[in-house]
C-alpha atoms as a PDB file:
ATOM      1  CA  MET A   1      12.100   9.711 -26.785  1.00  0.00           C
ATOM      2  CA  THR A   2      15.085  11.751 -27.963  1.00  0.00           C
ATOM      3  CA  ARG A   3      17.313  14.023 -25.905  1.00  0.00           C
ATOM      4  CA  ARG A   4      16.027  16.946 -27.955  1.00  0.00           C
ATOM      5  CA  SER A   5      12.340  16.178 -27.331  1.00  0.00           C
ATOM      6  CA  SER A   6      13.042  15.663 -23.641  1.00  0.00           C
ATOM      7  CA  ALA A   7      14.963  18.926 -23.356  1.00  0.00           C
ATOM      8  CA  GLN A   8      12.239  20.800 -25.235  1.00  0.00           C
ATOM      9  CA  ALA A   9       9.501  19.468 -22.960  1.00  0.00           C
ATOM     10  CA  LEU A  10      11.489  20.341 -19.843  1.00  0.00           C
ATOM     11  CA  ALA A  11      12.102  23.830 -21.225  1.00  0.00           C
ATOM     12  CA  GLU A  12       8.363  24.266 -21.882  1.00  0.00           C
ATOM     13  CA  VAL A  13       7.499  23.384 -18.291  1.00  0.00           C
ATOM     14  CA  ALA A  14      10.282  25.603 -16.946  1.00  0.00           C
ATOM     15  CA  SER A  15       9.067  28.540 -19.048  1.00  0.00           C
ATOM     16  CA  GLU A  16       5.610  28.247 -17.481  1.00  0.00           C
ATOM     17  CA  LEU A  17       7.151  28.608 -14.026  1.00  0.00           C
ATOM     18  CA  VAL A  18       8.084  32.231 -14.713  1.00  0.00           C
ATOM     19  CA  THR A  19       4.487  33.147 -15.593  1.00  0.00           C
ATOM     20  CA  ASP A  20       1.433  33.642 -13.390  1.00  0.00           C
ATOM     21  CA  TYR A  21       0.498  29.990 -13.777  1.00  0.00           C
ATOM     22  CA  ASP A  22      -2.359  27.907 -12.423  1.00  0.00           C
ATOM     23  CA  VAL A  23      -0.607  25.117 -10.511  1.00  0.00           C
ATOM     24  CA  THR A  24      -3.361  22.566 -11.188  1.00  0.00           C
ATOM     25  CA  ASP A  25      -3.115  23.182 -14.932  1.00  0.00           C
ATOM     26  CA  LEU A  26       0.669  23.149 -14.930  1.00  0.00           C
ATOM     27  CA  LEU A  27       0.890  19.860 -13.053  1.00  0.00           C
ATOM     28  CA  ARG A  28      -1.798  18.284 -15.237  1.00  0.00           C
ATOM     29  CA  GLY A  29       0.340  19.146 -18.240  1.00  0.00           C
ATOM     30  CA  LEU A  30       3.426  17.831 -16.483  1.00  0.00           C
ATOM     31  CA  VAL A  31       2.009  14.359 -15.825  1.00  0.00           C
ATOM     32  CA  ILE A  32       0.753  14.128 -19.413  1.00  0.00           C
ATOM     33  CA  ARG A  33       4.181  15.155 -20.735  1.00  0.00           C
ATOM     34  CA  CYS A  34       5.791  12.614 -18.441  1.00  0.00           C
ATOM     35  CA  ALA A  35       3.607   9.815 -19.789  1.00  0.00           C
ATOM     36  CA  ARG A  36       4.454  10.775 -23.366  1.00  0.00           C
ATOM     37  CA  LEU A  37       8.179  11.323 -22.897  1.00  0.00           C
ATOM     38  CA  VAL A  38       8.934   8.346 -20.689  1.00  0.00           C
ATOM     39  CA  GLY A  39       6.496   5.970 -22.343  1.00  0.00           C
ATOM     40  CA  ALA A  40       4.438   5.415 -19.190  1.00  0.00           C
ATOM     41  CA  ASP A  41       0.869   4.168 -19.479  1.00  0.00           C
ATOM     42  CA  ALA A  42      -0.257   5.873 -16.271  1.00  0.00           C
ATOM     43  CA  VAL A  43       1.259   8.674 -14.186  1.00  0.00           C
ATOM     44  CA  GLY A  44       0.243  10.063 -10.809  1.00  0.00           C
ATOM     45  CA  LEU A  45       1.525  12.979  -8.758  1.00  0.00           C
ATOM     46  CA  LEU A  46       1.191  12.954  -4.980  1.00  0.00           C
ATOM     47  CA  VAL A  47       2.067  15.624  -2.425  1.00  0.00           C
ATOM     48  CA  ARG A  48       2.604  15.583   1.317  1.00  0.00           C
ATOM     49  CA  SER A  49       0.099  17.552   3.375  1.00  0.00           C
ATOM     50  CA  ASP A  50       0.047  17.471   7.187  1.00  0.00           C
ATOM     51  CA  GLY A  51       2.429  14.526   7.101  1.00  0.00           C
ATOM     52  CA  ALA A  52       0.341  12.353   4.765  1.00  0.00           C
ATOM     53  CA  LEU A  53       0.510  11.833   1.014  1.00  0.00           C
ATOM     54  CA  GLU A  54      -2.463  12.980  -1.049  1.00  0.00           C
ATOM     55  CA  LEU A  55      -3.217  12.626  -4.730  1.00  0.00           C
ATOM     56  CA  LEU A  56      -2.842  15.902  -6.613  1.00  0.00           C
ATOM     57  CA  SER A  57      -2.903  14.993 -10.302  1.00  0.00           C
ATOM     58  CA  ALA A  58      -3.140  11.924 -12.528  1.00  0.00           C
ATOM     59  CA  SER A  59      -2.858  11.247 -16.242  1.00  0.00           C
ATOM     60  CA  SER A  60      -6.077   9.201 -16.277  1.00  0.00           C
ATOM     61  CA  HIS A  61      -8.877   7.914 -14.078  1.00  0.00           C
ATOM     62  CA  ARG A  62      -7.109   4.538 -13.941  1.00  0.00           C
ATOM     63  CA  ALA A  63      -3.944   6.213 -12.637  1.00  0.00           C
ATOM     64  CA  ARG A  64      -6.025   8.025 -10.020  1.00  0.00           C
ATOM     65  CA  GLU A  65      -7.557   4.765  -8.796  1.00  0.00           C
ATOM     66  CA  LEU A  66      -4.152   3.081  -8.505  1.00  0.00           C
ATOM     67  CA  GLU A  67      -2.712   5.953  -6.485  1.00  0.00           C
ATOM     68  CA  LEU A  68      -5.678   6.037  -4.118  1.00  0.00           C
ATOM     69  CA  TYR A  69      -5.402   2.263  -3.708  1.00  0.00           C
ATOM     70  CA  GLN A  70      -1.791   2.621  -2.523  1.00  0.00           C
ATOM     71  CA  LEU A  71      -2.686   5.435  -0.150  1.00  0.00           C
ATOM     72  CA  GLN A  72      -5.537   3.437   1.368  1.00  0.00           C
ATOM     73  CA  ARG A  73      -3.233   0.461   1.969  1.00  0.00           C
ATOM     74  CA  HIS A  74      -0.306   2.643   3.132  1.00  0.00           C
ATOM     75  CA  GLU A  75       1.976   0.684   0.833  1.00  0.00           C
ATOM     76  CA  GLY A  76       3.482   0.995  -2.619  1.00  0.00           C
ATOM     77  CA  PRO A  77       6.237   2.720  -4.573  1.00  0.00           C
ATOM     78  CA  CYS A  78       4.790   6.184  -3.952  1.00  0.00           C
ATOM     79  CA  VAL A  79       4.660   5.581  -0.190  1.00  0.00           C
ATOM     80  CA  ASP A  80       8.272   4.370  -0.107  1.00  0.00           C
ATOM     81  CA  ALA A  81       9.589   7.183  -2.320  1.00  0.00           C
ATOM     82  CA  GLY A  82       7.760   9.705  -0.161  1.00  0.00           C
ATOM     83  CA  SER A  83       9.266   8.341   3.048  1.00  0.00           C
ATOM     84  CA  THR A  84      12.825   7.581   1.877  1.00  0.00           C
ATOM     85  CA  GLY A  85      13.417  10.357  -0.645  1.00  0.00           C
ATOM     86  CA  THR A  86      14.859   7.844  -3.112  1.00  0.00           C
ATOM     87  CA  MET A  87      13.621   6.457  -6.414  1.00  0.00           C
ATOM     88  CA  GLN A  88      11.674   3.208  -6.018  1.00  0.00           C
ATOM     89  CA  HIS A  89      10.957   0.658  -8.725  1.00  0.00           C
ATOM     90  CA  ALA A  90      10.000  -2.920  -9.475  1.00  0.00           C
ATOM     91  CA  VAL A  91      10.047  -4.547 -12.908  1.00  0.00           C
ATOM     92  CA  GLY A  92       7.953  -7.631 -13.594  1.00  0.00           C
ATOM     93  CA  PRO A  93       4.947  -9.029 -11.693  1.00  0.00           C
ATOM     94  CA  ASP A  94       7.090 -11.142  -9.354  1.00  0.00           C
ATOM     95  CA  ALA A  95       9.216  -8.146  -8.351  1.00  0.00           C
ATOM     96  CA  ILE A  96       6.117  -6.017  -7.737  1.00  0.00           C
ATOM     97  CA  ILE A  97       4.577  -8.739  -5.560  1.00  0.00           C
ATOM     98  CA  GLU A  98       7.793  -9.136  -3.573  1.00  0.00           C
ATOM     99  CA  ALA A  99       8.217  -5.401  -3.014  1.00  0.00           C
ATOM    100  CA  TRP A 100       4.608  -4.503  -2.164  1.00  0.00           C
ATOM    101  CA  PRO A 101       2.546  -7.648  -1.502  1.00  0.00           C
ATOM    102  CA  ASN A 102      -0.491  -5.781  -0.153  1.00  0.00           C
ATOM    103  CA  VAL A 103      -1.030  -3.658  -3.267  1.00  0.00           C
ATOM    104  CA  ALA A 104       0.588  -5.842  -5.934  1.00  0.00           C
ATOM    105  CA  ARG A 105      -2.692  -7.525  -6.840  1.00  0.00           C
ATOM    106  CA  GLY A 106      -4.218  -4.169  -7.736  1.00  0.00           C
ATOM    107  CA  ILE A 107      -1.197  -3.039  -9.757  1.00  0.00           C
ATOM    108  CA  VAL A 108      -0.586  -6.304 -11.605  1.00  0.00           C
ATOM    109  CA  GLY A 109      -4.310  -6.957 -11.952  1.00  0.00           C
ATOM    110  CA  ALA A 110      -4.676  -3.609 -13.720  1.00  0.00           C
ATOM    111  CA  GLY A 111      -2.248  -4.894 -16.339  1.00  0.00           C
ATOM    112  CA  PHE A 112       0.952  -3.151 -15.303  1.00  0.00           C
ATOM    113  CA  GLY A 113       4.324  -4.859 -15.485  1.00  0.00           C
ATOM    114  CA  ALA A 114       6.619  -2.193 -14.035  1.00  0.00           C
ATOM    115  CA  VAL A 115       6.324   0.698 -11.582  1.00  0.00           C
ATOM    116  CA  TYR A 116       8.591   3.624 -10.732  1.00  0.00           C
ATOM    117  CA  ALA A 117       8.295   6.385  -8.142  1.00  0.00           C
ATOM    118  CA  PHE A 118      10.471   9.514  -8.155  1.00  0.00           C
ATOM    119  CA  PRO A 119      10.637  11.760  -5.066  1.00  0.00           C
ATOM    120  CA  LEU A 120       9.794  15.464  -5.079  1.00  0.00           C
ATOM    121  CA  ARG A 121      12.729  16.659  -2.980  1.00  0.00           C
ATOM    122  CA  TRP A 122      12.940  20.075  -1.367  1.00  0.00           C
ATOM    123  CA  HIS A 123      15.962  20.986   0.777  1.00  0.00           C
ATOM    124  CA  ASP A 124      16.324  18.112   3.261  1.00  0.00           C
ATOM    125  CA  GLY A 125      12.760  16.840   2.918  1.00  0.00           C
ATOM    126  CA  VAL A 126      10.323  15.257   0.474  1.00  0.00           C
ATOM    127  CA  VAL A 127       7.124  17.069  -0.524  1.00  0.00           C
ATOM    128  CA  GLY A 128       5.680  14.298  -2.701  1.00  0.00           C
ATOM    129  CA  CYS A 129       6.424  11.868  -5.507  1.00  0.00           C
ATOM    130  CA  LEU A 130       5.835  11.198  -9.199  1.00  0.00           C
ATOM    131  CA  ASN A 131       4.575   7.664  -9.845  1.00  0.00           C
ATOM    132  CA  LEU A 132       4.867   5.881 -13.225  1.00  0.00           C
ATOM    133  CA  PHE A 133       3.224   2.642 -14.366  1.00  0.00           C
ATOM    134  CA  THR A 134       4.054   0.788 -17.581  1.00  0.00           C
ATOM    135  CA  VAL A 135       2.358  -2.209 -19.139  1.00  0.00           C
ATOM    136  CA  ASP A 136       5.647  -3.366 -20.635  1.00  0.00           C
ATOM    137  CA  PRO A 137       7.590  -5.317 -17.956  1.00  0.00           C
ATOM    138  CA  HIS A 138      10.945  -3.861 -18.959  1.00  0.00           C
ATOM    139  CA  PRO A 139      13.138  -1.349 -17.109  1.00  0.00           C
ATOM    140  CA  LEU A 140      13.278   2.302 -18.089  1.00  0.00           C
ATOM    141  CA  SER A 141      16.511   3.470 -19.656  1.00  0.00           C
ATOM    142  CA  ALA A 142      18.869   5.778 -17.790  1.00  0.00           C
ATOM    143  CA  GLU A 143      17.677   8.649 -20.001  1.00  0.00           C
ATOM    144  CA  GLN A 144      14.016   7.912 -19.244  1.00  0.00           C
ATOM    145  CA  ARG A 145      14.704   7.798 -15.500  1.00  0.00           C
ATOM    146  CA  ARG A 146      16.639  11.059 -15.702  1.00  0.00           C
ATOM    147  CA  THR A 147      13.771  12.730 -17.573  1.00  0.00           C
ATOM    148  CA  ALA A 148      11.227  11.521 -15.006  1.00  0.00           C
ATOM    149  CA  GLN A 149      13.318  12.826 -12.102  1.00  0.00           C
ATOM    150  CA  ASN A 150      13.789  16.162 -13.877  1.00  0.00           C
ATOM    151  CA  LEU A 151      10.019  16.454 -14.241  1.00  0.00           C
ATOM    152  CA  ALA A 152       9.603  15.562 -10.564  1.00  0.00           C
ATOM    153  CA  ASP A 153      12.034  18.361  -9.699  1.00  0.00           C
ATOM    154  CA  LEU A 154      10.061  20.812 -11.849  1.00  0.00           C
ATOM    155  CA  ALA A 155       6.871  19.733 -10.088  1.00  0.00           C
ATOM    156  CA  THR A 156       8.567  20.573  -6.796  1.00  0.00           C
ATOM    157  CA  LEU A 157       9.466  24.041  -8.059  1.00  0.00           C
ATOM    158  CA  ALA A 158       5.882  24.572  -9.218  1.00  0.00           C
ATOM    159  CA  LEU A 159       4.608  23.711  -5.749  1.00  0.00           C
ATOM    160  CA  VAL A 160       7.034  25.930  -3.869  1.00  0.00           C
ATOM    161  CA  ARG A 161       6.564  28.714  -6.435  1.00  0.00           C
ATOM    162  CA  LEU A 162      10.233  29.418  -7.019  1.00  0.00           C
ATOM    163  CA  GLY A 163      11.512  31.190  -3.966  1.00  0.00           C
ATOM    164  CA  ALA A 164       9.025  30.314  -1.263  1.00  0.00           C
ATOM    165  CA  SER A 165      11.727  28.614   0.763  1.00  0.00           C
ATOM    166  CA  GLU A 166      10.015  28.729   4.137  1.00  0.00           C
ATOM    167  CA  ARG A 167       8.446  25.419   5.093  1.00  0.00           C
ATOM    168  CA  GLY A 168       5.212  27.077   6.183  1.00  0.00           C
ATOM    169  CA  ARG A 169       4.804  28.772   2.828  1.00  0.00           C
ATOM    170  CA  VAL A 170       5.504  25.534   0.962  1.00  0.00           C
ATOM    171  CA  GLY A 171       2.745  23.884   2.980  1.00  0.00           C
ATOM    172  CA  GLU A 172       0.348  26.699   2.085  1.00  0.00           C
ATOM    173  CA  ASN A 173       1.120  26.290  -1.613  1.00  0.00           C
ATOM    174  CA  ILE A 174       0.446  22.557  -1.415  1.00  0.00           C
ATOM    175  CA  LEU A 175      -2.898  23.220   0.276  1.00  0.00           C
ATOM    176  CA  ASP A 176      -3.782  25.706  -2.475  1.00  0.00           C
ATOM    177  CA  ALA A 177      -2.970  23.072  -5.096  1.00  0.00           C
ATOM    178  CA  LEU A 178      -5.043  20.440  -3.288  1.00  0.00           C
ATOM    179  CA  GLU A 179      -8.001  22.830  -3.137  1.00  0.00           C
ATOM    180  CA  GLY A 180      -7.811  23.160  -6.911  1.00  0.00           C
ATOM    181  CA  ARG A 181      -7.843  19.377  -7.246  1.00  0.00           C
ATOM    182  CA  VAL A 182     -10.949  19.161  -5.027  1.00  0.00           C
ATOM    183  CA  VAL A 183     -12.815  21.616  -7.273  1.00  0.00           C
ATOM    184  CA  VAL A 184     -11.842  19.563 -10.328  1.00  0.00           C
ATOM    185  CA  GLU A 185     -13.149  16.376  -8.675  1.00  0.00           C
ATOM    186  CA  GLN A 186     -16.432  18.119  -7.812  1.00  0.00           C
ATOM    187  CA  ALA A 187     -16.839  19.301 -11.395  1.00  0.00           C
ATOM    188  CA  LYS A 188     -16.129  15.795 -12.704  1.00  0.00           C
ATOM    189  CA  GLY A 189     -18.906  14.477 -10.488  1.00  0.00           C
ATOM    190  CA  VAL A 190     -21.335  17.118 -11.752  1.00  0.00           C
ATOM    191  CA  LEU A 191     -20.560  16.370 -15.407  1.00  0.00           C
ATOM    192  CA  ALA A 192     -20.682  12.607 -14.860  1.00  0.00           C
ATOM    193  CA  GLU A 193     -24.124  12.866 -13.269  1.00  0.00           C
ATOM    194  CA  ARG A 194     -25.473  15.414 -15.731  1.00  0.00           C
ATOM    195  CA  GLN A 195     -24.254  13.628 -18.864  1.00  0.00           C
ATOM    196  CA  LYS A 196     -24.554  10.070 -17.491  1.00  0.00           C
ATOM    197  CA  ILE A 197     -20.950   9.254 -18.343  1.00  0.00           C
ATOM    198  CA  PRO A 198     -18.059   7.547 -16.481  1.00  0.00           C
ATOM    199  CA  MET A 199     -15.703   9.682 -14.392  1.00  0.00           C
ATOM    200  CA  ASP A 200     -12.805   9.337 -16.831  1.00  0.00           C
ATOM    201  CA  GLU A 201     -14.984  10.672 -19.653  1.00  0.00           C
ATOM    202  CA  ALA A 202     -16.194  13.458 -17.367  1.00  0.00           C
ATOM    203  CA  TYR A 203     -12.584  14.500 -16.814  1.00  0.00           C
ATOM    204  CA  ASP A 204     -11.966  14.583 -20.574  1.00  0.00           C
ATOM    205  CA  ALA A 205     -15.111  16.682 -21.000  1.00  0.00           C
ATOM    206  CA  LEU A 206     -13.902  19.117 -18.345  1.00  0.00           C
ATOM    207  CA  VAL A 207     -10.506  19.438 -20.026  1.00  0.00           C
ATOM    208  CA  ALA A 208     -12.257  20.082 -23.357  1.00  0.00           C
ATOM    209  CA  ARG A 209     -14.313  22.839 -21.709  1.00  0.00           C
ATOM    210  CA  ALA A 210     -11.203  24.484 -20.301  1.00  0.00           C
ATOM    211  CA  ASP A 211      -9.474  24.350 -23.688  1.00  0.00           C
ATOM    212  CA  ALA A 212     -12.532  25.767 -25.471  1.00  0.00           C
ATOM    213  CA  GLN A 213     -12.809  28.595 -22.947  1.00  0.00           C
ATOM    214  CA  GLY A 214      -9.093  29.307 -23.153  1.00  0.00           C
ATOM    215  CA  GLY A 215      -8.743  29.313 -19.383  1.00  0.00           C
ATOM    216  CA  ALA A 216      -7.336  27.217 -16.573  1.00  0.00           C
ATOM    217  CA  LEU A 217      -8.790  23.845 -15.656  1.00  0.00           C
ATOM    218  CA  THR A 218      -9.681  25.038 -12.158  1.00  0.00           C
ATOM    219  CA  GLU A 219     -11.552  28.032 -13.604  1.00  0.00           C
ATOM    220  CA  ALA A 220     -13.611  25.768 -15.851  1.00  0.00           C
ATOM    221  CA  ALA A 221     -14.247  23.444 -12.902  1.00  0.00           C
ATOM    222  CA  ARG A 222     -15.467  26.298 -10.697  1.00  0.00           C
ATOM    223  CA  ARG A 223     -17.888  27.419 -13.420  1.00  0.00           C
ATOM    224  CA  VAL A 224     -19.343  23.915 -13.657  1.00  0.00           C
ATOM    225  CA  VAL A 225     -19.781  23.692  -9.880  1.00  0.00           C
ATOM    226  CA  GLU A 226     -21.275  27.195  -9.643  1.00  0.00           C
ATOM    227  CA  GLU A 227     -23.713  26.472 -12.488  1.00  0.00           C
ATOM    228  CA  ALA A 228     -24.827  23.293 -10.730  1.00  0.00           C
ATOM    229  CA  ALA A 229     -25.347  25.182  -7.463  1.00  0.00           C
ATOM    230  CA  ARG A 230     -27.638  27.704  -9.177  1.00  0.00           C
ATOM    231  CA  ARG A 231     -29.918  25.026 -10.606  1.00  0.00           C
END
């Protein structure tokens, strides 16, 4: 990753924030950019809704499973970043086990050697976190950490929709984003059942549909669900 490529990617995300964007699509692109720029093998984005963290977007099905595993156990880097508002990390299997013994087996067993979680901060609170997993058990550079936190900050702006400073409105925006994620999950299930494929392949198929149709991911997902309902 170079400073120029990082700055360009951040500028691309920022430019989308001034358009009439689909938040599910924008955040999907953000986690994919994060994985590419920072060199992460899995990235997940979680948001706080009614006091609890919920998964909003993930770079892969494996990332989704790891995030849900942490949420079910109420432990992990994302949980700590969401509660403290500070970056959390552990590098190496031993450090991961020491920091989060109840979820370390799942993280290390999935082949990851380092984890990072960056808070989505808004005013004096935290609205979520950006979670990174790498197979390589080596620390991220200062530039990589800075890029990840910048992307987390842009995710926050996407959720609050640049100017919706009232807490109630921020909560409404998060609920809207979560509703989009639910539709995507429903569409994945439909495609997985219809095509007899794993969920991760169903997600790729849904993304391909959205790209072919030239529309937002949530729009493509709604079409899949509506078509299934008519059958």
